[in-house]
């Protein structure tokens, strides 16, 4: 099973939506607060190719984007396959 990582910040609506979607699907994830640990912001920028919006989500080390991209993967039925790969 691929690891899900979310770079987020507190009080971020899209971050909360992404985490709620994953909780509903019973998918575990690691969350990195980019405000609590500033080195996480640099790490996120490096890994995402400079994307600054939050959240930034990675599955199995692959950058999938933010909440909208995650929701689209789920809508298409591709999220389970990507996590299970």
Protein backbone atom coordinates (compact mmCIF):
# COMPACT_ATOMS: atom_id res chain seq x y z
CA UNK A 1 0.00 0.00 0.00
CA UNK A 2 1.36 3.42 -0.96
CA UNK A 3 1.90 6.05 1.71
CA UNK A 4 -0.27 9.18 1.53
CA UNK A 5 1.37 12.46 2.58
CA UNK A 6 -0.40 15.80 2.95
CA UNK A 7 1.33 19.14 3.36
CA UNK A 8 -1.19 21.39 5.08
CA UNK A 9 -1.77 24.22 7.53
CA UNK A 10 -4.34 24.77 10.29
CA UNK A 11 -7.64 26.44 9.34
CA UNK A 12 -7.25 25.51 5.67
CA UNK A 13 -10.62 24.57 4.22
CA UNK A 14 -9.27 22.53 1.32
CA UNK A 15 -6.82 20.78 3.65
CA UNK A 16 -9.72 19.74 5.87
CA UNK A 17 -11.74 18.56 2.87
CA UNK A 18 -8.84 16.41 1.66
CA UNK A 19 -8.34 14.85 5.08
CA UNK A 20 -12.07 14.23 5.46
CA UNK A 21 -12.22 12.51 2.06
CA UNK A 22 -9.37 10.22 3.09
CA UNK A 23 -10.95 9.51 6.49
CA UNK A 24 -14.25 8.59 4.78
CA UNK A 25 -12.33 6.17 2.55
CA UNK A 26 -10.50 4.81 5.62
CA UNK A 27 -7.13 5.74 4.14
CA UNK A 28 -4.34 6.55 6.56
CA UNK A 29 -2.14 9.56 5.83
CA UNK A 30 0.77 11.51 7.27
CA UNK A 31 0.21 15.23 7.68
CA UNK A 32 2.97 17.82 7.63
CA UNK A 33 2.09 21.25 9.03
CA UNK A 34 4.05 23.74 6.95
CA UNK A 35 3.46 26.50 9.52
CA UNK A 36 4.75 24.54 12.51
CA UNK A 37 7.91 23.39 10.71
CA UNK A 38 9.11 25.85 8.06
CA UNK A 39 11.49 23.26 6.59
CA UNK A 40 8.36 21.35 5.51
CA UNK A 41 7.39 24.28 3.25
CA UNK A 42 10.74 24.09 1.44
CA UNK A 43 10.40 20.33 1.19
CA UNK A 44 6.88 20.68 -0.23
CA UNK A 45 8.01 23.24 -2.82
CA UNK A 46 10.88 20.99 -3.92
CA UNK A 47 8.69 17.90 -4.19
CA UNK A 48 5.75 19.61 -5.89
CA UNK A 49 7.74 21.54 -8.47
CA UNK A 50 7.07 24.87 -6.80
CA UNK A 51 3.33 24.57 -6.11
CA UNK A 52 2.53 26.83 -3.17
CA UNK A 53 -1.20 26.22 -2.68
CA UNK A 54 -2.34 23.97 0.13
CA UNK A 55 -2.80 21.16 0.52
CA UNK A 56 -0.20 19.42 -1.60
CA UNK A 57 -0.78 15.67 -1.66
CA UNK A 58 1.57 12.83 -2.51
CA UNK A 59 0.69 9.16 -2.87
CA UNK A 60 3.54 6.69 -3.02
CA UNK A 61 5.92 9.61 -3.51
CA UNK A 62 3.98 10.78 -6.58
CA UNK A 63 2.64 14.33 -6.55
CA UNK A 64 -1.11 14.21 -7.21
CA UNK A 65 -1.86 17.90 -6.55
CA UNK A 66 -4.34 19.43 -4.14
CA UNK A 67 -7.83 18.66 -2.91
CA UNK A 68 -9.50 19.10 -6.31
CA UNK A 69 -7.17 16.58 -7.94
CA UNK A 70 -7.63 14.15 -5.04
CA UNK A 71 -11.42 14.46 -5.30
CA UNK A 72 -11.24 13.88 -9.06
CA UNK A 73 -9.17 10.72 -8.55
CA UNK A 74 -11.80 9.54 -6.07
CA UNK A 75 -14.69 10.45 -8.41
CA UNK A 76 -13.11 8.46 -11.25
CA UNK A 77 -12.47 5.47 -8.99
CA UNK A 78 -8.71 5.80 -9.44
CA UNK A 79 -7.84 6.74 -5.85
CA UNK A 80 -8.15 3.21 -4.46
CA UNK A 81 -5.98 1.79 -7.23
CA UNK A 82 -3.32 4.45 -6.76
CA UNK A 83 -3.14 3.86 -3.01
CA UNK A 84 -3.17 0.07 -3.39
CA UNK A 85 -0.48 0.00 -6.11
